[in-house]
Amino acid sequence: MSTAVHDKIDAEVKSQDVVLFMKGTPQFPMCGFSGQVVQILDYLGVPFKGVNVLDADDIRQGIKDYSNWPTIPQLYVKGEFVGGCDITREMFQSGELVEMMKTNGIPVREVAAG
């Protein structure tokens, strides 16, 4: 990965508290896994930035190298890689995701525990 691509991704990761590298946009996810993570974040009311990897091949491959994680979507909180769809879903179901957001000072909608 070129330094320019790494720096661009690094800037995106750090541009907001919660950043989701995904296929498509938060309004129009282009894959089911990206859509699931968007649904979880929306359900929790977490403000986040979606980065569409389909817009740029260098970002699409570069984010995999950046995180050393082979799949998309990829969720970042406060510049730290959290995981992909499965990890995000498991953390959401266990309550870990809400705790992580609160610990990092990110507003979360209070939802009834299911």
PDB file of N, CA and C in Angstrom:
ATOM      1  N   MET A   1       0.857  -1.182   0.000  1.00  0.00           N
ATOM      2  CA  MET A   1       0.000   0.000   0.000  1.00  0.00           C
ATOM      3  C   MET A   1       0.894   1.234   0.000  1.00  0.00           C
ATOM      4  N   SER A   2       0.542   2.188  -0.835  1.00  0.00           N
ATOM      5  CA  SER A   2       1.338   3.411  -0.916  1.00  0.00           C
ATOM      6  C   SER A   2       1.138   4.259   0.336  1.00  0.00           C
ATOM      7  N   THR A   3       2.107   5.096   0.614  1.00  0.00           N
ATOM      8  CA  THR A   3       2.023   5.994   1.760  1.00  0.00           C
ATOM      9  C   THR A   3       0.832   6.928   1.624  1.00  0.00           C
ATOM     10  N   ALA A   4       0.562   7.380   0.395  1.00  0.00           N
ATOM     11  CA  ALA A   4      -0.561   8.301   0.162  1.00  0.00           C
ATOM     12  C   ALA A   4      -1.889   7.635   0.512  1.00  0.00           C
ATOM     13  N   VAL A   5      -2.062   6.376   0.109  1.00  0.00           N
ATOM     14  CA  VAL A   5      -3.302   5.656   0.410  1.00  0.00           C
ATOM     15  C   VAL A   5      -3.407   5.431   1.916  1.00  0.00           C
ATOM     16  N   HIS A   6      -2.304   5.022   2.542  1.00  0.00           N
ATOM     17  CA  HIS A   6      -2.307   4.805   3.992  1.00  0.00           C
ATOM     18  C   HIS A   6      -2.684   6.097   4.721  1.00  0.00           C
ATOM     19  N   ASP A   7      -2.093   7.201   4.314  1.00  0.00           N
ATOM     20  CA  ASP A   7      -2.374   8.485   4.969  1.00  0.00           C
ATOM     21  C   ASP A   7      -3.825   8.909   4.758  1.00  0.00           C
ATOM     22  N   LYS A   8      -4.355   8.644   3.573  1.00  0.00           N
ATOM     23  CA  LYS A   8      -5.752   8.983   3.278  1.00  0.00           C
ATOM     24  C   LYS A   8      -6.695   8.177   4.168  1.00  0.00           C
ATOM     25  N   ILE A   9      -6.431   6.877   4.290  1.00  0.00           N
ATOM     26  CA  ILE A   9      -7.254   6.010   5.140  1.00  0.00           C
ATOM     27  C   ILE A   9      -7.110   6.431   6.595  1.00  0.00           C
ATOM     28  N   ASP A  10      -5.883   6.694   7.022  1.00  0.00           N
ATOM     29  CA  ASP A  10      -5.628   7.119   8.403  1.00  0.00           C
ATOM     30  C   ASP A  10      -6.407   8.391   8.720  1.00  0.00           C
ATOM     31  N   ALA A  11      -6.435   9.328   7.776  1.00  0.00           N
ATOM     32  CA  ALA A  11      -7.178  10.578   7.977  1.00  0.00           C
ATOM     33  C   ALA A  11      -8.673  10.302   8.088  1.00  0.00           C
ATOM     34  N   GLU A  12      -9.197   9.384   7.264  1.00  0.00           N
ATOM     35  CA  GLU A  12     -10.621   9.025   7.325  1.00  0.00           C
ATOM     36  C   GLU A  12     -10.951   8.381   8.679  1.00  0.00           C
ATOM     37  N   VAL A  13     -10.121   7.431   9.096  1.00  0.00           N
ATOM     38  CA  VAL A  13     -10.345   6.710  10.352  1.00  0.00           C
ATOM     39  C   VAL A  13     -10.422   7.689  11.526  1.00  0.00           C
ATOM     40  N   LYS A  14      -9.609   8.731  11.451  1.00  0.00           N
ATOM     41  CA  LYS A  14      -9.531   9.690  12.563  1.00  0.00           C
ATOM     42  C   LYS A  14     -10.402  10.922  12.365  1.00  0.00           C
ATOM     43  N   SER A  15     -11.172  10.957  11.250  1.00  0.00           N
ATOM     44  CA  SER A  15     -11.955  12.154  10.929  1.00  0.00           C
ATOM     45  C   SER A  15     -13.176  12.305  11.830  1.00  0.00           C
ATOM     46  N   GLN A  16     -13.689  11.197  12.342  1.00  0.00           N
ATOM     47  CA  GLN A  16     -14.836  11.228  13.254  1.00  0.00           C
ATOM     48  C   GLN A  16     -14.675  10.131  14.287  1.00  0.00           C
ATOM     49  N   ASP A  17     -15.472  10.196  15.342  1.00  0.00           N
ATOM     50  CA  ASP A  17     -15.381   9.190  16.399  1.00  0.00           C
ATOM     51  C   ASP A  17     -15.727   7.797  15.905  1.00  0.00           C
ATOM     52  N   VAL A  18     -16.727   7.696  15.022  1.00  0.00           N
ATOM     53  CA  VAL A  18     -17.148   6.393  14.508  1.00  0.00           C
ATOM     54  C   VAL A  18     -17.141   6.457  12.984  1.00  0.00           C
ATOM     55  N   VAL A  19     -16.360   5.555  12.385  1.00  0.00           N
ATOM     56  CA  VAL A  19     -16.231   5.513  10.925  1.00  0.00           C
ATOM     57  C   VAL A  19     -16.454   4.074  10.468  1.00  0.00           C
ATOM     58  N   LEU A  20     -17.285   3.927   9.441  1.00  0.00           N
ATOM     59  CA  LEU A  20     -17.565   2.608   8.882  1.00  0.00           C
ATOM     60  C   LEU A  20     -17.125   2.579   7.425  1.00  0.00           C
ATOM     61  N   PHE A  21     -16.121   1.749   7.138  1.00  0.00           N
ATOM     62  CA  PHE A  21     -15.739   1.503   5.749  1.00  0.00           C
ATOM     63  C   PHE A  21     -16.670   0.416   5.257  1.00  0.00           C
ATOM     64  N   MET A  22     -17.416   0.721   4.203  1.00  0.00           N
ATOM     65  CA  MET A  22     -18.500  -0.161   3.775  1.00  0.00           C
ATOM     66  C   MET A  22     -18.650  -0.162   2.267  1.00  0.00           C
ATOM     67  N   LYS A  23     -19.427  -1.130   1.781  1.00  0.00           N
ATOM     68  CA  LYS A  23     -19.791  -1.162   0.362  1.00  0.00           C
ATOM     69  C   LYS A  23     -21.111  -0.417   0.245  1.00  0.00           C
ATOM     70  N   GLY A  24     -21.070   0.708  -0.470  1.00  0.00           N
ATOM     71  CA  GLY A  24     -22.248   1.564  -0.597  1.00  0.00           C
ATOM     72  C   GLY A  24     -22.192   2.697   0.421  1.00  0.00           C
ATOM     73  N   THR A  25     -23.342   3.287   0.682  1.00  0.00           N
ATOM     74  CA  THR A  25     -23.441   4.402   1.620  1.00  0.00           C
ATOM     75  C   THR A  25     -24.405   4.018   2.744  1.00  0.00           C
ATOM     76  N   PRO A  26     -24.395   4.755   3.854  1.00  0.00           N
ATOM     77  CA  PRO A  26     -25.349   4.439   4.921  1.00  0.00           C
ATOM     78  C   PRO A  26     -26.800   4.449   4.435  1.00  0.00           C
ATOM     79  N   GLN A  27     -27.118   5.305   3.473  1.00  0.00           N
ATOM     80  CA  GLN A  27     -28.478   5.373   2.936  1.00  0.00           C
ATOM     81  C   GLN A  27     -28.771   4.216   1.977  1.00  0.00           C
ATOM     82  N   PHE A  28     -27.747   3.757   1.260  1.00  0.00           N
ATOM     83  CA  PHE A  28     -27.902   2.698   0.264  1.00  0.00           C
ATOM     84  C   PHE A  28     -26.760   1.692   0.362  1.00  0.00           C
ATOM     85  N   PRO A  29     -26.763   0.838   1.395  1.00  0.00           N
ATOM     86  CA  PRO A  29     -25.711  -0.188   1.488  1.00  0.00           C
ATOM     87  C   PRO A  29     -25.778  -1.119   0.277  1.00  0.00           C
ATOM     88  N   MET A  30     -24.609  -1.506  -0.230  1.00  0.00           N
ATOM     89  CA  MET A  30     -24.552  -2.346  -1.424  1.00  0.00           C
ATOM     90  C   MET A  30     -24.227  -3.796  -1.093  1.00  0.00           C
ATOM     91  N   CYS A  31     -24.205  -4.154   0.191  1.00  0.00           N
ATOM     92  CA  CYS A  31     -24.064  -5.555   0.571  1.00  0.00           C
ATOM     93  C   CYS A  31     -24.757  -5.751   1.910  1.00  0.00           C
ATOM     94  N   GLY A  32     -25.192  -6.958   2.146  1.00  0.00           N
ATOM     95  CA  GLY A  32     -25.953  -7.264   3.356  1.00  0.00           C
ATOM     96  C   GLY A  32     -25.173  -7.031   4.635  1.00  0.00           C
ATOM     97  N   PHE A  33     -23.872  -7.341   4.607  1.00  0.00           N
ATOM     98  CA  PHE A  33     -23.057  -7.177   5.810  1.00  0.00           C
ATOM     99  C   PHE A  33     -22.912  -5.702   6.177  1.00  0.00           C
ATOM    100  N   SER A  34     -22.654  -4.869   5.165  1.00  0.00           N
ATOM    101  CA  SER A  34     -22.574  -3.426   5.420  1.00  0.00           C
ATOM    102  C   SER A  34     -23.912  -2.928   5.953  1.00  0.00           C
ATOM    103  N   GLY A  35     -25.010  -3.419   5.351  1.00  0.00           N
ATOM    104  CA  GLY A  35     -26.345  -3.022   5.776  1.00  0.00           C
ATOM    105  C   GLY A  35     -26.625  -3.376   7.232  1.00  0.00           C
ATOM    106  N   GLN A  36     -26.151  -4.547   7.668  1.00  0.00           N
ATOM    107  CA  GLN A  36     -26.375  -4.954   9.058  1.00  0.00           C
ATOM    108  C   GLN A  36     -25.679  -4.019  10.039  1.00  0.00           C
ATOM    109  N   VAL A  37     -24.443  -3.652   9.734  1.00  0.00           N
ATOM    110  CA  VAL A  37     -23.700  -2.763  10.641  1.00  0.00           C
ATOM    111  C   VAL A  37     -24.361  -1.388  10.670  1.00  0.00           C
ATOM    112  N   VAL A  38     -24.811  -0.900   9.523  1.00  0.00           N
ATOM    113  CA  VAL A  38     -25.531   0.376   9.469  1.00  0.00           C
ATOM    114  C   VAL A  38     -26.779   0.295  10.339  1.00  0.00           C
ATOM    115  N   GLN A  39     -27.535  -0.805  10.238  1.00  0.00           N
ATOM    116  CA  GLN A  39     -28.749  -0.970  11.047  1.00  0.00           C
ATOM    117  C   GLN A  39     -28.433  -0.934  12.537  1.00  0.00           C
ATOM    118  N   ILE A  40     -27.365  -1.591  12.944  1.00  0.00           N
ATOM    119  CA  ILE A  40     -26.979  -1.608  14.362  1.00  0.00           C
ATOM    120  C   ILE A  40     -26.639  -0.202  14.829  1.00  0.00           C
ATOM    121  N   LEU A  41     -25.812   0.504  14.059  1.00  0.00           N
ATOM    122  CA  LEU A  41     -25.410   1.865  14.454  1.00  0.00           C
ATOM    123  C   LEU A  41     -26.615   2.794  14.473  1.00  0.00           C
ATOM    124  N   ASP A  42     -27.500   2.660  13.482  1.00  0.00           N
ATOM    125  CA  ASP A  42     -28.709   3.489  13.447  1.00  0.00           C
ATOM    126  C   ASP A  42     -29.614   3.173  14.638  1.00  0.00           C
ATOM    127  N   TYR A  43     -29.756   1.902  14.955  1.00  0.00           N
ATOM    128  CA  TYR A  43     -30.593   1.481  16.081  1.00  0.00           C
ATOM    129  C   TYR A  43     -30.088   2.097  17.382  1.00  0.00           C
ATOM    130  N   LEU A  44     -28.764   2.137  17.516  1.00  0.00           N
ATOM    131  CA  LEU A  44     -28.164   2.717  18.721  1.00  0.00           C
ATOM    132  C   LEU A  44     -28.123   4.241  18.669  1.00  0.00           C
ATOM    133  N   GLY A  45     -28.459   4.811  17.504  1.00  0.00           N
ATOM    134  CA  GLY A  45     -28.440   6.259  17.364  1.00  0.00           C
ATOM    135  C   GLY A  45     -27.039   6.846  17.370  1.00  0.00           C
ATOM    136  N   VAL A  46     -26.070   6.032  16.986  1.00  0.00           N
ATOM    137  CA  VAL A  46     -24.668   6.470  16.995  1.00  0.00           C
ATOM    138  C   VAL A  46     -24.381   7.263  15.728  1.00  0.00           C
ATOM    139  N   PRO A  47     -23.904   8.498  15.877  1.00  0.00           N
ATOM    140  CA  PRO A  47     -23.511   9.251  14.682  1.00  0.00           C
ATOM    141  C   PRO A  47     -22.232   8.635  14.101  1.00  0.00           C
ATOM    142  N   PHE A  48     -22.226   8.399  12.793  1.00  0.00           N
ATOM    143  CA  PHE A  48     -21.045   7.801  12.181  1.00  0.00           C
ATOM    144  C   PHE A  48     -20.876   8.295  10.754  1.00  0.00           C
ATOM    145  N   LYS A  49     -19.670   8.116  10.260  1.00  0.00           N
ATOM    146  CA  LYS A  49     -19.357   8.465   8.878  1.00  0.00           C
ATOM    147  C   LYS A  49     -19.188   7.173   8.097  1.00  0.00           C
ATOM    148  N   GLY A  50     -19.872   7.068   6.969  1.00  0.00           N
ATOM    149  CA  GLY A  50     -19.706   5.924   6.079  1.00  0.00           C
ATOM    150  C   GLY A  50     -18.740   6.279   4.963  1.00  0.00           C
ATOM    151  N   VAL A  51     -17.775   5.387   4.714  1.00  0.00           N
ATOM    152  CA  VAL A  51     -16.837   5.569   3.612  1.00  0.00           C
ATOM    153  C   VAL A  51     -17.096   4.448   2.604  1.00  0.00           C
ATOM    154  N   ASN A  52     -17.525   4.822   1.409  1.00  0.00           N
ATOM    155  CA  ASN A  52     -17.872   3.858   0.374  1.00  0.00           C
ATOM    156  C   ASN A  52     -16.618   3.359  -0.329  1.00  0.00           C
ATOM    157  N   VAL A  53     -16.239   2.109  -0.053  1.00  0.00           N
ATOM    158  CA  VAL A  53     -15.025   1.561  -0.669  1.00  0.00           C
ATOM    159  C   VAL A  53     -15.211   1.261  -2.151  1.00  0.00           C
ATOM    160  N   LEU A  54     -16.451   1.249  -2.619  1.00  0.00           N
ATOM    161  CA  LEU A  54     -16.699   0.987  -4.036  1.00  0.00           C
ATOM    162  C   LEU A  54     -16.339   2.197  -4.902  1.00  0.00           C
ATOM    163  N   ASP A  55     -16.154   3.345  -4.266  1.00  0.00           N
ATOM    164  CA  ASP A  55     -15.799   4.560  -5.004  1.00  0.00           C
ATOM    165  C   ASP A  55     -14.336   4.593  -5.418  1.00  0.00           C
ATOM    166  N   ALA A  56     -13.479   3.815  -4.735  1.00  0.00           N
ATOM    167  CA  ALA A  56     -12.049   3.889  -5.020  1.00  0.00           C
ATOM    168  C   ALA A  56     -11.377   2.549  -4.731  1.00  0.00           C
ATOM    169  N   ASP A  57     -10.805   1.951  -5.766  1.00  0.00           N
ATOM    170  CA  ASP A  57     -10.140   0.656  -5.600  1.00  0.00           C
ATOM    171  C   ASP A  57      -8.974   0.720  -4.626  1.00  0.00           C
ATOM    172  N   ASP A  58      -8.256   1.866  -4.604  1.00  0.00           N
ATOM    173  CA  ASP A  58      -7.115   1.957  -3.701  1.00  0.00           C
ATOM    174  C   ASP A  58      -7.566   1.919  -2.236  1.00  0.00           C
ATOM    175  N   ILE A  59      -8.711   2.528  -1.960  1.00  0.00           N
ATOM    176  CA  ILE A  59      -9.257   2.489  -0.597  1.00  0.00           C
ATOM    177  C   ILE A  59      -9.809   1.094  -0.305  1.00  0.00           C
ATOM    178  N   ARG A  60     -10.462   0.502  -1.287  1.00  0.00           N
ATOM    179  CA  ARG A  60     -11.064  -0.822  -1.107  1.00  0.00           C
ATOM    180  C   ARG A  60     -10.011  -1.853  -0.711  1.00  0.00           C
ATOM    181  N   GLN A  61      -8.861  -1.846  -1.381  1.00  0.00           N
ATOM    182  CA  GLN A  61      -7.783  -2.770  -1.020  1.00  0.00           C
ATOM    183  C   GLN A  61      -6.987  -2.230   0.160  1.00  0.00           C
ATOM    184  N   GLY A  62      -6.784  -0.930   0.168  1.00  0.00           N
ATOM    185  CA  GLY A  62      -5.945  -0.313   1.193  1.00  0.00           C
ATOM    186  C   GLY A  62      -6.475  -0.511   2.602  1.00  0.00           C
ATOM    187  N   ILE A  63      -7.799  -0.472   2.781  1.00  0.00           N
ATOM    188  CA  ILE A  63      -8.361  -0.609   4.125  1.00  0.00           C
ATOM    189  C   ILE A  63      -8.101  -2.014   4.661  1.00  0.00           C
ATOM    190  N   LYS A  64      -8.063  -3.005   3.772  1.00  0.00           N
ATOM    191  CA  LYS A  64      -7.761  -4.379   4.193  1.00  0.00           C
ATOM    192  C   LYS A  64      -6.321  -4.485   4.684  1.00  0.00           C
ATOM    193  N   ASP A  65      -5.422  -3.797   3.998  1.00  0.00           N
ATOM    194  CA  ASP A  65      -4.019  -3.785   4.410  1.00  0.00           C
ATOM    195  C   ASP A  65      -3.843  -2.971   5.697  1.00  0.00           C
ATOM    196  N   TYR A  66      -4.563  -1.865   5.779  1.00  0.00           N
ATOM    197  CA  TYR A  66      -4.461  -0.953   6.930  1.00  0.00           C
ATOM    198  C   TYR A  66      -4.805  -1.674   8.226  1.00  0.00           C
ATOM    199  N   SER A  67      -5.880  -2.455   8.200  1.00  0.00           N
ATOM    200  CA  SER A  67      -6.362  -3.124   9.407  1.00  0.00           C
ATOM    201  C   SER A  67      -5.856  -4.558   9.534  1.00  0.00           C
ATOM    202  N   ASN A  68      -5.267  -5.068   8.440  1.00  0.00           N
ATOM    203  CA  ASN A  68      -4.892  -6.473   8.381  1.00  0.00           C
ATOM    204  C   ASN A  68      -6.124  -7.352   8.583  1.00  0.00           C
ATOM    205  N   TRP A  69      -7.245  -6.924   8.006  1.00  0.00           N
ATOM    206  CA  TRP A  69      -8.528  -7.625   8.104  1.00  0.00           C
ATOM    207  C   TRP A  69      -9.039  -7.810   6.683  1.00  0.00           C
ATOM    208  N   PRO A  70      -9.420  -9.037   6.294  1.00  0.00           N
ATOM    209  CA  PRO A  70      -9.664  -9.320   4.875  1.00  0.00           C
ATOM    210  C   PRO A  70     -11.018  -8.889   4.312  1.00  0.00           C
ATOM    211  N   THR A  71     -11.959  -8.507   5.174  1.00  0.00           N
ATOM    212  CA  THR A  71     -13.305  -8.246   4.665  1.00  0.00           C
ATOM    213  C   THR A  71     -13.786  -6.831   4.977  1.00  0.00           C
ATOM    214  N   ILE A  72     -14.841  -6.462   4.265  1.00  0.00           N
ATOM    215  CA  ILE A  72     -15.522  -5.183   4.445  1.00  0.00           C
ATOM    216  C   ILE A  72     -16.958  -5.535   4.744  1.00  0.00           C
ATOM    217  N   PRO A  73     -17.630  -4.913   5.677  1.00  0.00           N
ATOM    218  CA  PRO A  73     -17.332  -3.627   6.315  1.00  0.00           C
ATOM    219  C   PRO A  73     -16.305  -3.735   7.437  1.00  0.00           C
ATOM    220  N   GLN A  74     -15.771  -2.559   7.791  1.00  0.00           N
ATOM    221  CA  GLN A  74     -14.855  -2.430   8.914  1.00  0.00           C
ATOM    222  C   GLN A  74     -15.284  -1.227   9.735  1.00  0.00           C
ATOM    223  N   LEU A  75     -15.455  -1.462  11.028  1.00  0.00           N
ATOM    224  CA  LEU A  75     -15.898  -0.418  11.939  1.00  0.00           C
ATOM    225  C   LEU A  75     -14.737   0.077  12.779  1.00  0.00           C
ATOM    226  N   TYR A  76     -14.606   1.402  12.863  1.00  0.00           N
ATOM    227  CA  TYR A  76     -13.574   2.039  13.670  1.00  0.00           C
ATOM    228  C   TYR A  76     -14.235   2.960  14.687  1.00  0.00           C
ATOM    229  N   VAL A  77     -13.749   2.905  15.918  1.00  0.00           N
ATOM    230  CA  VAL A  77     -14.224   3.791  16.981  1.00  0.00           C
ATOM    231  C   VAL A  77     -13.007   4.487  17.574  1.00  0.00           C
ATOM    232  N   LYS A  78     -13.033   5.821  17.539  1.00  0.00           N
ATOM    233  CA  LYS A  78     -11.924   6.626  18.046  1.00  0.00           C
ATOM    234  C   LYS A  78     -10.588   6.195  17.432  1.00  0.00           C
ATOM    235  N   GLY A  79     -10.618   5.898  16.132  1.00  0.00           N
ATOM    236  CA  GLY A  79      -9.388   5.540  15.420  1.00  0.00           C
ATOM    237  C   GLY A  79      -8.947   4.101  15.598  1.00  0.00           C
ATOM    238  N   GLU A  80      -9.674   3.320  16.400  1.00  0.00           N
ATOM    239  CA  GLU A  80      -9.295   1.932  16.648  1.00  0.00           C
ATOM    240  C   GLU A  80     -10.206   0.992  15.861  1.00  0.00           C
ATOM    241  N   PHE A  81      -9.616  -0.024  15.244  1.00  0.00           N
ATOM    242  CA  PHE A  81     -10.383  -1.020  14.503  1.00  0.00           C
ATOM    243  C   PHE A  81     -11.174  -1.882  15.486  1.00  0.00           C
ATOM    244  N   VAL A  82     -12.482  -1.976  15.279  1.00  0.00           N
ATOM    245  CA  VAL A  82     -13.350  -2.791  16.133  1.00  0.00           C
ATOM    246  C   VAL A  82     -13.539  -4.164  15.514  1.00  0.00           C
ATOM    247  N   GLY A  83     -13.948  -4.199  14.244  1.00  0.00           N
ATOM    248  CA  GLY A  83     -14.157  -5.474  13.579  1.00  0.00           C
ATOM    249  C   GLY A  83     -15.084  -5.324  12.396  1.00  0.00           C
ATOM    250  N   GLY A  84     -15.467  -6.479  11.859  1.00  0.00           N
ATOM    251  CA  GLY A  84     -16.382  -6.515  10.741  1.00  0.00           C
ATOM    252  C   GLY A  84     -17.798  -6.754  11.214  1.00  0.00           C
ATOM    253  N   CYS A  85     -18.618  -7.271  10.321  1.00  0.00           N
ATOM    254  CA  CYS A  85     -20.042  -7.451  10.605  1.00  0.00           C
ATOM    255  C   CYS A  85     -20.275  -8.423  11.766  1.00  0.00           C
ATOM    256  N   ASP A  86     -19.653  -9.604  11.729  1.00  0.00           N
ATOM    257  CA  ASP A  86     -19.904 -10.615  12.762  1.00  0.00           C
ATOM    258  C   ASP A  86     -19.509 -10.115  14.145  1.00  0.00           C
ATOM    259  N   ILE A  87     -18.325  -9.526  14.241  1.00  0.00           N
ATOM    260  CA  ILE A  87     -17.843  -9.025  15.533  1.00  0.00           C
ATOM    261  C   ILE A  87     -18.747  -7.899  16.032  1.00  0.00           C
ATOM    262  N   THR A  88     -19.113  -6.981  15.141  1.00  0.00           N
ATOM    263  CA  THR A  88     -19.989  -5.872  15.531  1.00  0.00           C
ATOM    264  C   THR A  88     -21.334  -6.403  16.015  1.00  0.00           C
ATOM    265  N   ARG A  89     -21.889  -7.383  15.295  1.00  0.00           N
ATOM    266  CA  ARG A  89     -23.181  -7.952  15.680  1.00  0.00           C
ATOM    267  C   ARG A  89     -23.087  -8.658  17.042  1.00  0.00           C
ATOM    268  N   GLU A  90     -22.022  -9.429  17.246  1.00  0.00           N
ATOM    269  CA  GLU A  90     -21.847 -10.129  18.522  1.00  0.00           C
ATOM    270  C   GLU A  90     -21.681  -9.130  19.668  1.00  0.00           C
ATOM    271  N   MET A  91     -20.906  -8.077  19.434  1.00  0.00           N
ATOM    272  CA  MET A  91     -20.717  -7.056  20.471  1.00  0.00           C
ATOM    273  C   MET A  91     -22.020  -6.328  20.774  1.00  0.00           C
ATOM    274  N   PHE A  92     -22.826  -6.090  19.728  1.00  0.00           N
ATOM    275  CA  PHE A  92     -24.126  -5.447  19.910  1.00  0.00           C
ATOM    276  C   PHE A  92     -25.029  -6.336  20.764  1.00  0.00           C
ATOM    277  N   GLN A  93     -25.104  -7.619  20.427  1.00  0.00           N
ATOM    278  CA  GLN A  93     -25.988  -8.546  21.132  1.00  0.00           C
ATOM    279  C   GLN A  93     -25.577  -8.728  22.586  1.00  0.00           C
ATOM    280  N   SER A  94     -24.276  -8.684  22.866  1.00  0.00           N
ATOM    281  CA  SER A  94     -23.795  -8.899  24.232  1.00  0.00           C
ATOM    282  C   SER A  94     -23.826  -7.614  25.070  1.00  0.00           C
ATOM    283  N   GLY A  95     -24.038  -6.476  24.403  1.00  0.00           N
ATOM    284  CA  GLY A  95     -24.012  -5.200  25.108  1.00  0.00           C
ATOM    285  C   GLY A  95     -22.639  -4.545  25.124  1.00  0.00           C
ATOM    286  N   GLU A  96     -21.625  -5.239  24.620  1.00  0.00           N
ATOM    287  CA  GLU A  96     -20.260  -4.699  24.602  1.00  0.00           C
ATOM    288  C   GLU A  96     -20.140  -3.445  23.743  1.00  0.00           C
ATOM    289  N   LEU A  97     -20.883  -3.429  22.630  1.00  0.00           N
ATOM    290  CA  LEU A  97     -20.782  -2.302  21.702  1.00  0.00           C
ATOM    291  C   LEU A  97     -21.277  -1.018  22.358  1.00  0.00           C
ATOM    292  N   VAL A  98     -22.406  -1.108  23.068  1.00  0.00           N
ATOM    293  CA  VAL A  98     -22.941   0.059  23.772  1.00  0.00           C
ATOM    294  C   VAL A  98     -21.933   0.525  24.822  1.00  0.00           C
ATOM    295  N   GLU A  99     -21.366  -0.414  25.559  1.00  0.00           N
ATOM    296  CA  GLU A  99     -20.378  -0.053  26.587  1.00  0.00           C
ATOM    297  C   GLU A  99     -19.170   0.623  25.961  1.00  0.00           C
ATOM    298  N   MET A 100     -18.698   0.089  24.824  1.00  0.00           N
ATOM    299  CA  MET A 100     -17.543   0.683  24.140  1.00  0.00           C
ATOM    300  C   MET A 100     -17.854   2.122  23.728  1.00  0.00           C
ATOM    301  N   MET A 101     -19.046   2.336  23.175  1.00  0.00           N
ATOM    302  CA  MET A 101     -19.426   3.685  22.749  1.00  0.00           C
ATOM    303  C   MET A 101     -19.468   4.624  23.954  1.00  0.00           C
ATOM    304  N   LYS A 102     -20.118   4.189  25.020  1.00  0.00           N
ATOM    305  CA  LYS A 102     -20.234   5.035  26.216  1.00  0.00           C
ATOM    306  C   LYS A 102     -18.859   5.338  26.811  1.00  0.00           C
ATOM    307  N   THR A 103     -18.006   4.321  26.879  1.00  0.00           N
ATOM    308  CA  THR A 103     -16.649   4.493  27.418  1.00  0.00           C
ATOM    309  C   THR A 103     -15.881   5.544  26.627  1.00  0.00           C
ATOM    310  N   ASN A 104     -16.148   5.602  25.322  1.00  0.00           N
ATOM    311  CA  ASN A 104     -15.463   6.552  24.447  1.00  0.00           C
ATOM    312  C   ASN A 104     -16.198   7.882  24.320  1.00  0.00           C
ATOM    313  N   GLY A 105     -17.246   8.070  25.119  1.00  0.00           N
ATOM    314  CA  GLY A 105     -17.965   9.343  25.123  1.00  0.00           C
ATOM    315  C   GLY A 105     -18.832   9.565  23.908  1.00  0.00           C
ATOM    316  N   ILE A 106     -19.243   8.474  23.261  1.00  0.00           N
ATOM    317  CA  ILE A 106     -20.078   8.584  22.061  1.00  0.00           C
ATOM    318  C   ILE A 106     -21.535   8.388  22.487  1.00  0.00           C
ATOM    319  N   PRO A 107     -22.413   9.325  22.102  1.00  0.00           N
ATOM    320  CA  PRO A 107     -23.810   9.216  22.523  1.00  0.00           C
ATOM    321  C   PRO A 107     -24.493   7.987  21.945  1.00  0.00           C
ATOM    322  N   VAL A 108     -25.243   7.309  22.807  1.00  0.00           N
ATOM    323  CA  VAL A 108     -25.975   6.109  22.412  1.00  0.00           C
ATOM    324  C   VAL A 108     -27.413   6.267  22.864  1.00  0.00           C
ATOM    325  N   ARG A 109     -28.331   5.946  21.993  1.00  0.00           N
ATOM    326  CA  ARG A 109     -29.753   5.987  22.350  1.00  0.00           C
ATOM    327  C   ARG A 109     -30.018   4.882  23.375  1.00  0.00           C
ATOM    328  N   GLU A 110     -30.736   5.214  24.424  1.00  0.00           N
ATOM    329  CA  GLU A 110     -31.089   4.209  25.422  1.00  0.00           C
ATOM    330  C   GLU A 110     -32.143   3.296  24.820  1.00  0.00           C
ATOM    331  N   VAL A 111     -31.835   2.016  24.766  1.00  0.00           N
ATOM    332  CA  VAL A 111     -32.760   1.045  24.204  1.00  0.00           C
ATOM    333  C   VAL A 111     -33.043  -0.021  25.243  1.00  0.00           C
ATOM    334  N   ALA A 112     -34.235  -0.542  25.194  1.00  0.00           N
ATOM    335  CA  ALA A 112     -34.608  -1.603  26.124  1.00  0.00           C
ATOM    336  C   ALA A 112     -33.808  -2.857  25.806  1.00  0.00           C
ATOM    337  N   ALA A 113     -33.250  -3.460  26.813  1.00  0.00           N
ATOM    338  CA  ALA A 113     -32.480  -4.692  26.598  1.00  0.00           C
ATOM    339  C   ALA A 113     -33.447  -5.795  26.187  1.00  0.00           C
ATOM    340  N   GLY A 114     -33.097  -6.505  25.141  1.00  0.00           N
ATOM    341  CA  GLY A 114     -33.967  -7.552  24.641  1.00  0.00           C
ATOM    342  C   GLY A 114     -33.515  -8.824  25.162  1.00  0.00           C
TER     343      GLY A 114
END
